[in-house]
Amino acid sequence: MKKDFTPDKRKMALIAFVTLLLSWLRLSLTFPAGDKSSGRVYRNFDIAEASLAQREVNTVEKSHFQNRYELALSPFVSETRDAELRLESFLVYLKGFINATGFDSFSFEKKSRQLDFELRDIQRSVVDISHHKDITDRLRFIKHLFHEMQASARDLKRYRESHDLAHHLITCLVQMNVHILMLFNSHGAPDLRNGNLSGEVAKQMGHLRFWNGLFMRLKHVPIEVHLMYVNQYDRAVYTMNLLNRQIPEAVLEM
């Protein structure tokens, strides 16, 4: 028996079919083939995306902090190098006051005030790197040398015009004490760049013994002159002994 479909039944069947088709399409779009409705694949995808994003952030942050570190380090290196160059230049300038005839105290006195300002400026410039032992050691020695030269210039001015032998011997020792300090480098160690360092020390020791022999034969030397001479003599002996102890044996044997 042939079944007849009325228009109402056909309409209801069509609606049911469309409803089922839409339901299937919605499920297919929500959960693609091979995926589970748990959403695990999507969560993993989100985690992967987040991880990639975090790596990018970390890379940017690392680059940022690396740049900041390098920028922070660069001025320190620059300041340290600048301090080294200024100290070395200052020492070379001081050594320029020693010539073939000895310590040129006249020229030094003319420049002393300017040099004092320069040294103070160097000292201020190294405040931020005062933890750098090499720089502080150099600054300490160069300050000591400069102050010794200032004191020596005053002593020479006091005695240089005198024709008294005791006064003359004092000026000789003052000159020597400045000269032997120039045998040190900026670190306060023997300057091994001087190819005849040990010979120079031996020569100065010979001068010292000769002058001391002359002074010991003098009579009626005023006590203040005697004390001045002894002070200069002891300083010369101490400095040359210090040099001898620090000069490597290989240099002494040359």
Protein backbone atom coordinates (compact mmCIF):
# COMPACT_ATOMS: atom_id res chain seq x y z
CA MET A 1 0.00 0.00 0.00
CA LYS A 2 1.45 3.27 -1.04
CA LYS A 3 1.98 5.83 1.62
CA ASP A 4 0.94 9.36 0.83
CA PHE A 5 2.72 12.34 2.40
CA THR A 6 0.54 15.30 3.06
CA PRO A 7 2.07 18.80 2.75
CA ASP A 8 2.15 19.13 6.55
CA LYS A 9 4.06 15.89 6.98
CA ARG A 10 6.52 16.85 4.25
CA LYS A 11 7.07 20.20 5.92
CA MET A 12 7.71 18.58 9.32
CA ALA A 13 10.18 16.08 7.78
CA LEU A 14 12.09 18.87 6.06
CA ILE A 15 12.34 20.83 9.29
CA ALA A 16 13.62 17.77 11.15
CA PHE A 17 16.21 17.10 8.44
CA VAL A 18 17.47 20.71 8.47
CA THR A 19 17.65 20.63 12.28
CA LEU A 20 19.77 17.46 12.22
CA LEU A 21 22.04 18.93 9.52
CA LEU A 22 22.62 22.13 11.49
CA SER A 23 23.39 20.12 14.63
CA TRP A 24 25.97 18.06 12.76
CA LEU A 25 27.61 21.15 11.28
CA ARG A 26 27.79 22.82 14.70
CA LEU A 27 29.49 19.79 16.21
CA SER A 28 31.95 19.57 13.30
CA LEU A 29 32.95 23.21 13.64
CA THR A 30 33.31 22.98 17.40
CA PHE A 31 35.33 19.75 17.51
CA PRO A 32 37.35 19.16 14.32
CA ALA A 33 38.13 15.59 13.29
CA GLY A 34 40.69 13.94 15.57
CA ASP A 35 40.05 16.39 18.44
CA LYS A 36 38.31 15.55 21.66
CA SER A 37 35.57 17.52 23.22
CA SER A 38 37.70 17.90 26.35
CA GLY A 39 39.43 20.80 24.63
CA ARG A 40 42.90 19.40 25.60
CA VAL A 41 44.37 20.16 22.17
CA TYR A 42 43.16 23.72 22.38
CA ARG A 43 44.56 24.12 25.89
CA ASN A 44 47.92 22.77 24.67
CA PHE A 45 47.81 25.17 21.78
CA ASP A 46 47.13 28.04 24.18
CA ILE A 47 50.01 26.92 26.42
CA ALA A 48 52.34 26.68 23.43
CA GLU A 49 51.34 30.15 22.30
CA ALA A 50 51.81 31.50 25.82
CA SER A 51 55.20 29.77 26.12
CA LEU A 52 56.34 31.23 22.81
CA ALA A 53 55.15 34.66 23.86
CA GLN A 54 56.93 34.32 27.21
CA ARG A 55 60.15 33.31 25.48
CA GLU A 56 59.88 36.41 23.33
CA VAL A 57 59.34 38.54 26.44
CA ASN A 58 62.29 36.87 28.18
CA THR A 59 64.47 37.49 25.13
CA VAL A 60 63.50 41.14 25.08
CA GLU A 61 64.07 41.48 28.84
CA LYS A 62 67.42 39.69 28.63
CA SER A 63 68.50 41.93 25.79
CA HIS A 64 67.32 44.98 27.73
CA PHE A 65 69.17 44.07 30.92
CA GLN A 66 72.24 42.99 28.96
CA ASN A 67 72.28 46.39 27.28
CA ARG A 68 71.83 48.12 30.62
CA TYR A 69 74.70 46.07 32.08
CA GLU A 70 76.96 46.93 29.15
CA LEU A 71 75.98 50.58 29.33
CA ALA A 72 76.64 50.60 33.06
CA LEU A 73 79.97 48.83 32.63
CA SER A 74 81.16 50.98 29.75
CA PRO A 75 81.48 54.24 31.74
CA PHE A 76 83.33 52.36 34.50
CA VAL A 77 85.86 50.99 32.01
CA SER A 78 86.12 54.40 30.42
CA GLU A 79 86.61 56.16 33.77
CA THR A 80 89.24 53.63 34.84
CA ARG A 81 91.17 54.00 31.60
CA ASP A 82 90.90 57.78 31.77
CA ALA A 83 92.26 57.76 35.34
CA GLU A 84 95.17 55.51 34.33
CA LEU A 85 96.09 57.78 31.43
CA ARG A 86 95.88 60.94 33.53
CA LEU A 87 98.00 59.48 36.32
CA GLU A 88 100.64 58.19 33.90
CA SER A 89 100.71 61.54 32.11
CA PHE A 90 101.07 63.38 35.42
CA LEU A 91 103.98 61.15 36.45
CA VAL A 92 105.75 61.65 33.12
CA TYR A 93 105.34 65.40 33.55
CA LEU A 94 106.83 65.27 37.07
CA LYS A 95 109.78 63.24 35.82
CA GLY A 96 110.39 65.95 33.27
CA PHE A 97 111.69 68.19 36.05
CA ILE A 98 114.69 65.89 36.46
CA ASN A 99 117.41 66.76 33.98
CA ALA A 100 121.13 66.14 33.57
CA THR A 101 121.97 68.59 36.38
CA GLY A 102 119.36 67.31 38.83
CA PHE A 103 115.97 68.52 40.04
CA ASP A 104 114.90 71.71 38.27
CA SER A 105 113.21 73.23 41.31
CA PHE A 106 112.91 76.66 39.68
CA SER A 107 110.66 75.37 36.90
CA PHE A 108 108.80 73.11 39.31
CA GLU A 109 107.96 76.00 41.64
CA LYS A 110 106.50 77.96 38.73
CA LYS A 111 104.22 75.05 37.85
CA SER A 112 103.57 73.77 41.37
CA ARG A 113 100.23 75.52 41.92
CA GLN A 114 98.90 74.42 38.54
CA LEU A 115 100.08 70.85 39.17
CA ASP A 116 98.42 70.87 42.58
CA PHE A 117 95.08 71.79 40.97
CA GLU A 118 95.55 69.09 38.35
CA LEU A 119 96.30 66.41 40.95
CA ARG A 120 93.28 67.43 43.03
CA ASP A 121 91.11 67.20 39.93
CA ILE A 122 92.45 63.70 39.21
CA GLN A 123 91.72 62.73 42.80
CA ARG A 124 88.12 63.94 42.50
CA SER A 125 87.67 62.11 39.22
CA VAL A 126 88.56 58.72 40.74
CA VAL A 127 86.15 58.93 43.68
CA ASP A 128 83.62 56.70 41.90
CA ILE A 129 86.25 54.02 41.22
CA SER A 130 88.03 54.30 44.57
CA HIS A 131 87.52 50.54 45.04
CA HIS A 132 89.92 49.96 42.13
CA LYS A 133 93.13 49.11 44.03
CA ASP A 134 95.43 49.65 41.07
CA ILE A 135 94.18 53.21 40.62
CA THR A 136 94.29 54.06 44.33
CA ASP A 137 97.84 52.67 44.63
CA ARG A 138 99.00 54.81 41.71
CA LEU A 139 97.29 57.89 43.08
CA ARG A 140 98.84 57.35 46.51
CA PHE A 141 102.37 57.05 45.13
CA ILE A 142 102.06 60.01 42.75
CA LYS A 143 100.66 62.19 45.56
CA HIS A 144 103.61 61.16 47.72
CA LEU A 145 106.05 61.98 44.94
CA PHE A 146 104.47 65.37 44.26
CA HIS A 147 104.47 66.36 47.93
CA GLU A 148 108.10 65.26 48.26
CA MET A 149 108.98 67.46 45.29
CA GLN A 150 107.15 70.40 46.87
CA ALA A 151 109.04 69.94 50.15
CA SER A 152 112.33 69.48 48.30
CA ALA A 153 111.78 72.68 46.30
CA ARG A 154 111.29 74.58 49.58
CA ASP A 155 114.45 73.07 51.10
CA LEU A 156 116.52 73.87 48.02
CA LYS A 157 115.27 77.44 48.03
CA ARG A 158 116.34 77.73 51.65
CA TYR A 159 119.89 76.45 51.15
CA ARG A 160 120.78 77.00 47.51
CA GLU A 161 122.28 80.47 47.97
CA SER A 162 124.50 79.43 50.87
CA HIS A 163 128.24 78.80 50.37
CA ASP A 164 128.44 76.72 53.52
CA LEU A 165 129.60 73.14 52.80
CA ALA A 166 127.08 71.59 55.19
CA HIS A 167 124.28 73.43 53.38
CA HIS A 168 125.67 72.35 50.03
CA LEU A 169 125.72 68.71 51.11
CA ILE A 170 122.10 69.02 52.23
CA THR A 171 121.10 70.31 48.81
CA CYS A 172 122.95 67.38 47.24
CA LEU A 173 120.93 64.94 49.36
CA VAL A 174 117.66 66.74 48.62
CA GLN A 175 118.39 66.47 44.91
CA MET A 176 119.27 62.80 45.31
CA ASN A 177 116.06 61.99 47.17
CA VAL A 178 113.99 63.45 44.36
CA HIS A 179 116.09 61.70 41.74
CA ILE A 180 115.83 58.22 43.25
CA LEU A 181 112.05 58.53 43.60
CA MET A 182 111.98 58.85 39.83
CA LEU A 183 113.36 55.31 39.62
CA PHE A 184 109.91 54.03 40.62
CA ASN A 185 106.99 53.54 38.26
CA SER A 186 103.47 54.82 38.88
CA HIS A 187 102.71 51.73 41.01
CA GLY A 188 105.49 52.63 43.45
CA ALA A 189 107.62 49.70 42.27
CA PRO A 190 111.08 49.85 40.62
CA ASP A 191 110.74 50.98 37.03
CA LEU A 192 112.21 48.01 35.20
CA ARG A 193 111.95 49.89 31.91
CA ASN A 194 115.11 51.62 33.07
CA GLY A 195 117.71 49.34 31.54
CA ASN A 196 120.40 50.38 34.03
CA LEU A 197 118.33 50.44 37.18
CA SER A 198 120.72 48.49 39.37
CA GLY A 199 123.68 50.48 38.04
CA GLU A 200 121.89 53.74 38.81
CA VAL A 201 121.19 52.65 42.39
CA ALA A 202 124.84 51.62 42.85
CA LYS A 203 126.00 54.99 41.50
CA GLN A 204 123.75 56.89 43.89
CA MET A 205 124.95 54.78 46.81
CA GLY A 206 128.52 55.72 45.89
CA HIS A 207 127.60 59.43 45.92
CA LEU A 208 125.87 58.99 49.25
CA ARG A 209 128.92 57.40 50.91
CA PHE A 210 131.19 60.13 49.55
CA TRP A 211 128.98 63.00 50.75
CA ASN A 212 128.49 61.39 54.14
CA GLY A 213 132.27 61.07 54.56
CA LEU A 214 132.61 64.80 53.89
CA PHE A 215 129.86 65.74 56.30
CA MET A 216 131.23 63.59 59.12
CA ARG A 217 134.50 65.58 59.00
CA LEU A 218 132.78 68.93 59.41
CA LYS A 219 133.14 70.78 62.73
CA HIS A 220 130.71 73.02 64.56
CA VAL A 221 127.69 72.16 62.47
CA PRO A 222 124.54 73.81 63.95
CA ILE A 223 122.15 71.29 65.43
CA GLU A 224 119.28 72.21 63.09
CA VAL A 225 121.58 71.76 60.07
CA HIS A 226 122.83 68.44 61.43
CA LEU A 227 119.26 67.19 61.96
CA MET A 228 118.30 68.29 58.46
CA TYR A 229 121.24 66.42 56.99
CA VAL A 230 120.52 63.25 58.99
CA ASN A 231 116.86 63.34 57.90
CA GLN A 232 117.78 63.58 54.21
CA TYR A 233 120.52 60.98 54.55
CA ASP A 234 118.25 58.45 56.28
CA ARG A 235 115.57 58.94 53.63
CA ALA A 236 118.07 58.31 50.85
CA VAL A 237 119.37 55.13 52.52
CA TYR A 238 115.84 53.85 53.15
CA THR A 239 114.67 54.49 49.58
CA MET A 240 117.71 52.87 47.97
CA ASN A 241 117.47 49.84 50.24
CA LEU A 242 113.80 49.59 49.25
CA LEU A 243 114.77 49.70 45.59
CA ASN A 244 117.44 47.04 46.04
CA ARG A 245 114.99 44.71 47.80
CA GLN A 246 112.39 45.06 45.07
CA ILE A 247 114.68 44.81 42.04
CA PRO A 248 114.53 41.21 40.70
CA GLU A 249 117.78 39.25 41.05
CA ALA A 250 117.97 38.82 37.28
CA VAL A 251 118.14 42.61 36.94
CA LEU A 252 120.73 42.95 39.70
CA GLU A 253 122.97 40.39 37.98
CA MET A 254 122.94 42.22 34.65
